[in-house]
Amino acid sequence: MRSERISGVSSIDMQVSRTSWNWQTPRKQQGDVRTQVRRANRALEALDVQAKFSVHEGTGQIMVKLEDMETGEILKEIPPEKMLDLVAKMTEMARGIISEEA
């Protein structure tokens, strides 16, 4: 069962990766976004997985963590938090270099 769950999550990850997420969706399209989120949540429930949305503190990017509902184990992070940590650190360093040169 666990391998089926992980392969199911991987296929969802591939679909998310191919989707252009625009979190600044115009009001008239917000109903469509809500419908898509409900559909994704129903698909995840069948795999005993829940999606948790959060905002990365350093970058302001929205992150999704797919979590096993039974164990609480994080199965997938989209995008990976470590990658966002790296981006935040690089941005901080670049700002330091630019302010030193100015």
Protein backbone atom coordinates (compact mmCIF):
# COMPACT_ATOMS: atom_id res chain seq x y z
CA MET A 1 0.00 0.00 0.00
CA ARG A 2 2.81 2.44 0.84
CA SER A 3 4.49 2.08 -2.58
CA GLU A 4 1.13 2.70 -4.29
CA ARG A 5 0.68 5.85 -2.22
CA ILE A 6 4.12 7.18 -3.11
CA SER A 7 3.72 6.43 -6.82
CA GLY A 8 0.32 8.14 -6.70
CA VAL A 9 1.88 11.18 -5.07
CA SER A 10 4.65 11.19 -7.70
CA SER A 11 2.10 11.28 -10.49
CA ILE A 12 0.36 14.20 -8.78
CA ASP A 13 3.74 15.94 -8.48
CA MET A 14 4.30 15.54 -12.22
CA GLN A 15 0.90 17.10 -12.91
CA VAL A 16 1.63 20.03 -10.56
CA SER A 17 5.03 20.57 -12.16
CA ARG A 18 3.44 20.92 -15.57
CA THR A 19 0.82 23.37 -14.31
CA SER A 20 1.48 27.09 -14.37
CA TRP A 21 0.31 28.26 -10.94
CA ASN A 22 -0.81 31.87 -10.86
CA TRP A 23 -1.72 32.76 -7.28
CA GLN A 24 -2.78 36.25 -8.38
CA THR A 25 -5.86 34.85 -10.11
CA PRO A 26 -8.48 37.37 -11.28
CA ARG A 27 -11.74 37.24 -9.29
CA LYS A 28 -13.75 35.83 -12.19
CA GLN A 29 -11.43 32.77 -12.34
CA GLN A 30 -11.27 32.11 -8.58
CA GLY A 31 -14.26 29.76 -8.75
CA ASP A 32 -12.33 27.60 -11.25
CA VAL A 33 -9.31 27.52 -8.94
CA ARG A 34 -11.47 26.45 -5.99
CA THR A 35 -12.99 23.68 -8.10
CA GLN A 36 -9.53 22.42 -9.09
CA VAL A 37 -8.33 22.47 -5.47
CA ARG A 38 -11.40 20.46 -4.38
CA ARG A 39 -10.75 17.91 -7.15
CA ALA A 40 -7.10 17.57 -6.12
CA ASN A 41 -8.07 17.13 -2.46
CA ARG A 42 -10.53 14.36 -3.35
CA ALA A 43 -7.82 12.57 -5.36
CA LEU A 44 -5.39 12.86 -2.45
CA GLU A 45 -7.95 11.54 0.05
CA ALA A 46 -8.16 8.31 -1.95
CA LEU A 47 -4.40 7.90 -1.32
CA ASP A 48 -4.72 8.76 2.42
CA VAL A 49 -2.68 11.89 1.76
CA GLN A 50 -3.43 15.46 2.74
CA ALA A 51 -2.05 18.65 1.23
CA LYS A 52 -0.85 21.41 3.52
CA PHE A 53 -0.29 24.85 2.04
CA SER A 54 2.08 27.38 3.60
CA VAL A 55 4.13 30.42 2.66
CA HIS A 56 7.92 30.16 2.85
CA GLU A 57 9.15 32.85 5.21
CA GLY A 58 12.32 33.78 3.29
CA THR A 59 10.91 33.94 -0.24
CA GLY A 60 7.16 34.43 0.15
CA GLN A 61 6.60 31.45 -2.18
CA ILE A 62 3.64 29.16 -1.62
CA MET A 63 4.66 25.61 -0.67
CA VAL A 64 2.61 22.43 -0.66
CA LYS A 65 3.51 19.53 1.61
CA LEU A 66 1.88 16.20 0.86
CA GLU A 67 1.56 14.35 4.16
CA ASP A 68 0.62 10.75 4.98
CA MET A 69 -2.62 11.05 6.96
CA GLU A 70 -1.85 7.97 9.10
CA THR A 71 1.77 8.63 10.08
CA GLY A 72 2.19 12.37 9.51
CA GLU A 73 5.24 11.65 7.33
CA ILE A 74 5.99 14.26 4.65
CA LEU A 75 5.87 12.40 1.32
CA LYS A 76 6.60 15.31 -1.00
CA GLU A 77 7.28 19.04 -0.84
CA ILE A 78 6.46 21.21 -3.84
CA PRO A 79 8.77 23.10 -4.25
CA PRO A 80 11.26 21.54 -1.82
CA GLU A 81 11.74 23.71 1.28
CA LYS A 82 15.53 23.30 1.13
CA MET A 83 15.54 24.77 -2.36
CA LEU A 84 13.55 27.79 -1.18
CA ASP A 85 15.94 28.18 1.78
CA LEU A 86 18.82 28.27 -0.71
CA VAL A 87 17.07 30.84 -2.91
CA ALA A 88 16.39 33.03 0.15
CA LYS A 89 20.03 32.83 1.25
CA MET A 90 21.32 33.64 -2.26
CA THR A 91 18.94 36.60 -2.50
CA GLU A 92 20.13 37.86 0.89
CA MET A 93 23.77 37.54 -0.19
CA ALA A 94 23.11 39.32 -3.51
CA ARG A 95 21.41 42.21 -1.70
CA GLY A 96 24.44 42.48 0.59
CA ILE A 97 26.83 42.66 -2.36
CA ILE A 98 24.72 45.25 -4.15
CA SER A 99 24.38 47.45 -1.04
CA GLU A 100 28.16 47.27 -0.44
CA GLU A 101 28.85 48.42 -3.99
CA ALA A 102 26.39 51.30 -3.81
